[in-house]
């Protein structure tokens, strides 16, 4: 669990609500269902309009990564690759065949199977790098869905403000309805700017960082598999792989 994401969200929202209270305002005054519907509904609709279905669904699938990021333990991967290297040097590449099905990551499993099949090292590298590029592109596009949302929501918030003012102008003769229209105007702007800068843009950047780390890990795994195929010494392999994550 990424506890920093939870703490960050609590600090961001809590600071705004606390500031509202310190200034003498009420939390209930910024809870406005109509404004929320206009801003969030309009933003989601705009993003759905611009995004292919697969990308949009993948963005929803990736959202839990903010709190529960996929496991990326480089030291564990290095340890596993070195074990494979020792096995291959002692018993040959075919000795790794019994381990293929036990590898949980489909990407690494494919590379290990190619290794067992005696595929040329450069062919292993080119095939896996091509697949890695496609995977990275797909995940980055999904992360950009939230970046786009952060671009649309402030504008939709302004649209909500204008709609609220229209409501105010239509009811100038009825003072009892003016407060609701004015509240919708200002709160819609708050929701638009707030959702962009406290949710959509931070989520996009965090997902991009997670995708980058996964890509870096897989580049290391490719390098390790190719080194095994080339019959390099495990100590040399370890030194090379450690260089991917020096800290």
Protein backbone atom coordinates (compact mmCIF):
# COMPACT_ATOMS: atom_id res chain seq x y z
CA UNK A 1 0.00 0.00 0.00
CA UNK A 2 1.23 3.50 -0.90
CA UNK A 3 0.46 5.31 2.36
CA UNK A 4 1.86 8.58 0.98
CA UNK A 5 -1.04 8.84 -1.49
CA UNK A 6 -3.57 8.53 1.32
CA UNK A 7 -1.74 11.05 3.51
CA UNK A 8 -1.42 13.47 0.59
CA UNK A 9 -5.13 13.33 -0.20
CA UNK A 10 -6.08 13.83 3.45
CA UNK A 11 -3.66 16.76 3.85
CA UNK A 12 -4.83 18.45 0.63
CA UNK A 13 -8.58 18.17 1.28
CA UNK A 14 -8.24 18.64 5.02
CA UNK A 15 -6.24 21.86 4.62
CA UNK A 16 -8.89 23.36 2.36
CA UNK A 17 -11.75 22.40 4.68
CA UNK A 18 -9.85 23.61 7.74
CA UNK A 19 -9.09 26.90 6.04
CA UNK A 20 -12.76 27.27 5.20
CA UNK A 21 -13.67 26.77 8.84
CA UNK A 22 -10.98 29.13 10.13
CA UNK A 23 -12.34 31.85 7.87
CA UNK A 24 -15.74 31.36 9.50
CA UNK A 25 -17.29 29.47 6.62
CA UNK A 26 -19.29 26.27 6.82
CA UNK A 27 -18.27 23.01 5.16
CA UNK A 28 -21.84 22.55 4.02
CA UNK A 29 -21.61 25.72 1.93
CA UNK A 30 -19.17 24.04 -0.49
CA UNK A 31 -21.16 20.81 -0.76
CA UNK A 32 -23.38 21.42 -3.76
CA UNK A 33 -24.81 18.46 -5.67
CA UNK A 34 -25.70 20.41 -8.79
CA UNK A 35 -22.22 21.87 -9.16
CA UNK A 36 -20.66 18.45 -8.59
CA UNK A 37 -22.87 16.91 -11.28
CA UNK A 38 -22.05 19.63 -13.79
CA UNK A 39 -18.28 19.54 -13.26
CA UNK A 40 -17.59 15.84 -12.73
CA UNK A 41 -20.26 14.65 -15.17
CA UNK A 42 -19.16 17.10 -17.84
CA UNK A 43 -15.49 16.23 -17.37
CA UNK A 44 -16.07 12.48 -17.51
CA UNK A 45 -18.25 12.87 -20.58
CA UNK A 46 -15.60 14.94 -22.38
CA UNK A 47 -12.90 12.40 -21.57
CA UNK A 48 -15.10 9.52 -22.75
CA UNK A 49 -15.67 11.40 -26.00
CA UNK A 50 -11.94 11.76 -26.71
CA UNK A 51 -10.71 8.36 -25.49
CA UNK A 52 -10.86 4.95 -27.21
CA UNK A 53 -12.83 2.43 -25.17
CA UNK A 54 -9.82 0.23 -24.33
CA UNK A 55 -7.79 3.21 -23.12
CA UNK A 56 -10.65 4.53 -21.01
CA UNK A 57 -11.31 1.14 -19.39
CA UNK A 58 -7.59 0.68 -18.75
CA UNK A 59 -7.47 4.07 -17.01
CA UNK A 60 -10.20 2.92 -14.62
CA UNK A 61 -8.36 -0.36 -14.06
CA UNK A 62 -5.14 1.52 -13.24
CA UNK A 63 -6.72 3.93 -10.75
CA UNK A 64 -6.24 1.60 -7.71
CA UNK A 65 -2.48 1.72 -8.44
CA UNK A 66 -2.47 5.09 -6.64
CA UNK A 67 -2.95 3.27 -3.33
CA UNK A 68 -2.04 -0.28 -4.31
CA UNK A 69 0.73 0.00 -6.93
CA UNK A 70 1.82 -3.16 -8.77
CA UNK A 71 4.73 -4.89 -7.09
CA UNK A 72 8.07 -3.85 -8.54
CA UNK A 73 10.88 -5.26 -6.43
CA UNK A 74 14.10 -5.01 -8.46
CA UNK A 75 16.17 -6.91 -5.90
CA UNK A 76 13.79 -9.85 -5.98
CA UNK A 77 13.90 -9.86 -9.79
CA UNK A 78 17.70 -9.74 -9.77
CA UNK A 79 17.82 -12.63 -7.30
CA UNK A 80 15.49 -14.69 -9.51
CA UNK A 81 17.48 -13.94 -12.68
CA UNK A 82 20.74 -14.93 -10.96
CA UNK A 83 19.17 -18.20 -9.85
CA UNK A 84 18.15 -18.86 -13.45
CA UNK A 85 21.67 -17.99 -14.58
CA UNK A 86 23.22 -20.47 -12.11
CA UNK A 87 20.80 -23.18 -13.20
CA UNK A 88 21.52 -22.56 -16.90
CA UNK A 89 25.30 -22.65 -16.40
CA UNK A 90 25.17 -25.88 -14.40
CA UNK A 91 22.44 -27.81 -16.22
CA UNK A 92 21.85 -26.02 -19.52
CA UNK A 93 19.00 -23.80 -20.70
CA UNK A 94 16.57 -26.71 -20.94
CA UNK A 95 16.74 -27.03 -17.14
CA UNK A 96 14.76 -23.78 -16.95
CA UNK A 97 11.79 -25.28 -18.78
CA UNK A 98 10.28 -26.60 -15.55
CA UNK A 99 10.23 -23.04 -14.16
CA UNK A 100 8.39 -21.35 -17.03
CA UNK A 101 4.84 -22.01 -15.83
CA UNK A 102 5.66 -20.85 -12.31
CA UNK A 103 6.52 -17.30 -13.47
CA UNK A 104 3.52 -15.07 -12.67
CA UNK A 105 4.41 -12.16 -14.98
CA UNK A 106 3.35 -12.99 -18.59
CA UNK A 107 6.05 -10.68 -19.97
CA UNK A 108 8.89 -12.40 -18.10
CA UNK A 109 7.35 -15.82 -18.74
CA UNK A 110 7.43 -15.16 -22.47
CA UNK A 111 11.08 -14.15 -22.29
CA UNK A 112 12.01 -17.22 -20.25
CA UNK A 113 10.21 -19.48 -22.72
CA UNK A 114 12.15 -17.91 -25.59
CA UNK A 115 15.33 -18.50 -23.60
CA UNK A 116 14.46 -22.19 -23.09
CA UNK A 117 13.65 -22.54 -26.79
CA UNK A 118 17.19 -21.46 -27.64
CA UNK A 119 16.16 -18.23 -29.36
CA UNK A 120 18.98 -15.97 -30.49
CA UNK A 121 19.82 -13.37 -27.79
CA UNK A 122 19.26 -10.41 -30.11
CA UNK A 123 15.94 -11.88 -31.19
CA UNK A 124 14.91 -12.17 -27.55
CA UNK A 125 15.87 -8.55 -26.96
CA UNK A 126 14.13 -7.15 -30.04
CA UNK A 127 10.93 -9.13 -29.44
CA UNK A 128 10.64 -8.20 -25.77
CA UNK A 129 11.58 -4.56 -26.35
CA UNK A 130 8.90 -4.26 -29.02
CA UNK A 131 6.29 -5.72 -26.67
CA UNK A 132 7.52 -3.52 -23.83
CA UNK A 133 7.15 -0.43 -25.99
CA UNK A 134 3.54 -1.36 -26.77
CA UNK A 135 2.74 -2.03 -23.10
CA UNK A 136 4.30 1.25 -21.99
CA UNK A 137 2.45 3.23 -24.67
CA UNK A 138 -0.88 1.64 -23.69
CA UNK A 139 -0.41 2.43 -19.99
CA UNK A 140 0.85 5.98 -20.59
CA UNK A 141 -2.19 6.70 -22.75
CA UNK A 142 -4.39 5.50 -19.89
CA UNK A 143 -2.54 7.77 -17.44
CA UNK A 144 -3.07 10.69 -19.82
CA UNK A 145 -6.83 10.22 -19.46
CA UNK A 146 -6.51 11.80 -16.01
CA UNK A 147 -4.23 14.49 -17.40
CA UNK A 148 -6.94 15.36 -19.92
CA UNK A 149 -9.51 15.38 -17.13
CA UNK A 150 -7.36 17.92 -15.30
CA UNK A 151 -7.46 20.10 -18.39
CA UNK A 152 -11.21 19.88 -18.91
CA UNK A 153 -12.51 20.20 -15.34
CA UNK A 154 -11.56 23.87 -14.72
CA UNK A 155 -13.24 24.86 -17.98
CA UNK A 156 -16.33 22.84 -17.14
CA UNK A 157 -16.24 24.53 -13.73
CA UNK A 158 -16.42 27.91 -15.47
CA UNK A 159 -19.32 26.58 -17.53
CA UNK A 160 -21.07 25.61 -14.30
CA UNK A 161 -20.45 29.11 -12.94
CA UNK A 162 -22.01 30.67 -16.03
CA UNK A 163 -25.04 28.37 -15.77
CA UNK A 164 -25.42 29.39 -12.13
CA UNK A 165 -25.33 33.06 -13.05
CA UNK A 166 -27.95 32.47 -15.74
CA UNK A 167 -30.11 30.90 -13.05
CA UNK A 168 -29.54 33.98 -10.86
CA UNK A 169 -30.50 36.38 -13.64
CA UNK A 170 -33.69 34.44 -14.36
CA UNK A 171 -34.80 34.77 -10.75
CA UNK A 172 -33.91 38.34 -9.85
CA UNK A 173 -37.52 38.94 -8.91
CA UNK A 174 -37.42 36.05 -6.42
CA UNK A 175 -34.72 36.67 -3.80
CA UNK A 176 -35.29 33.23 -2.26
CA UNK A 177 -33.74 31.57 -5.33
CA UNK A 178 -30.76 33.87 -5.71
CA UNK A 179 -28.65 32.17 -3.04
CA UNK A 180 -28.84 28.75 -4.69
CA UNK A 181 -27.81 30.11 -8.08
CA UNK A 182 -24.90 32.10 -6.70
CA UNK A 183 -23.74 29.10 -4.65
CA UNK A 184 -23.77 26.91 -7.73
CA UNK A 185 -21.73 29.51 -9.62
CA UNK A 186 -18.89 29.75 -7.13
CA UNK A 187 -18.88 26.15 -5.97
CA UNK A 188 -18.75 24.86 -9.57
CA UNK A 189 -15.55 26.86 -10.08
CA UNK A 190 -14.11 25.46 -6.85
CA UNK A 191 -14.95 21.91 -7.93
CA UNK A 192 -13.44 22.43 -11.38
CA UNK A 193 -10.13 23.88 -10.19
CA UNK A 194 -9.97 21.67 -7.10
CA UNK A 195 -10.62 18.37 -8.87
CA UNK A 196 -7.97 19.22 -11.49
CA UNK A 197 -5.21 20.17 -9.08
CA UNK A 198 -6.03 17.90 -6.13
CA UNK A 199 -7.02 14.75 -8.00
CA UNK A 200 -6.79 14.46 -11.78
CA UNK A 201 -3.32 15.94 -12.39
CA UNK A 202 -1.64 14.32 -9.34
CA UNK A 203 -3.18 10.96 -10.25
CA UNK A 204 -1.93 11.27 -13.83
CA UNK A 205 1.61 12.10 -12.73
CA UNK A 206 1.71 9.29 -10.18
CA UNK A 207 0.48 6.73 -12.71
CA UNK A 208 3.10 7.90 -15.21
CA UNK A 209 5.78 7.45 -12.55
CA UNK A 210 4.54 3.93 -11.78
CA UNK A 211 4.54 3.06 -15.49
CA UNK A 212 8.09 4.42 -15.79
CA UNK A 213 9.28 2.27 -12.87
CA UNK A 214 7.63 -0.85 -14.33
CA UNK A 215 9.22 -0.15 -17.69
CA UNK A 216 12.64 0.28 -16.08
CA UNK A 217 12.20 -3.01 -14.23
CA UNK A 218 11.26 -4.82 -17.42
CA UNK A 219 14.23 -3.34 -19.26
CA UNK A 220 16.41 -4.82 -16.53
CA UNK A 221 14.66 -8.18 -16.87
CA UNK A 222 15.23 -8.15 -20.64
CA UNK A 223 18.91 -7.41 -20.11
CA UNK A 224 19.15 -10.27 -17.60
CA UNK A 225 17.47 -12.79 -19.88
CA UNK A 226 19.69 -11.80 -22.80
CA UNK A 227 22.79 -12.09 -20.60
CA UNK A 228 21.76 -15.63 -19.63
CA UNK A 229 21.24 -16.49 -23.29
CA UNK A 230 24.75 -15.20 -24.01
CA UNK A 231 26.17 -17.36 -21.22
CA UNK A 232 27.61 -14.52 -19.14
CA UNK A 233 28.97 -15.08 -15.65
CA UNK A 234 26.34 -14.54 -12.90
CA UNK A 235 28.58 -12.02 -11.14
CA UNK A 236 28.83 -9.92 -14.27
CA UNK A 237 25.06 -10.17 -14.73
CA UNK A 238 24.47 -9.05 -11.16
CA UNK A 239 26.71 -6.01 -11.55
CA UNK A 240 24.97 -5.01 -14.76
CA UNK A 241 21.46 -5.39 -13.34
CA UNK A 242 22.26 -3.55 -10.12
CA UNK A 243 23.16 -0.55 -12.26
CA UNK A 244 19.51 -0.11 -13.22
CA UNK A 245 18.56 0.72 -9.62
CA UNK A 246 21.71 2.07 -7.94
CA UNK A 247 19.79 3.42 -4.95
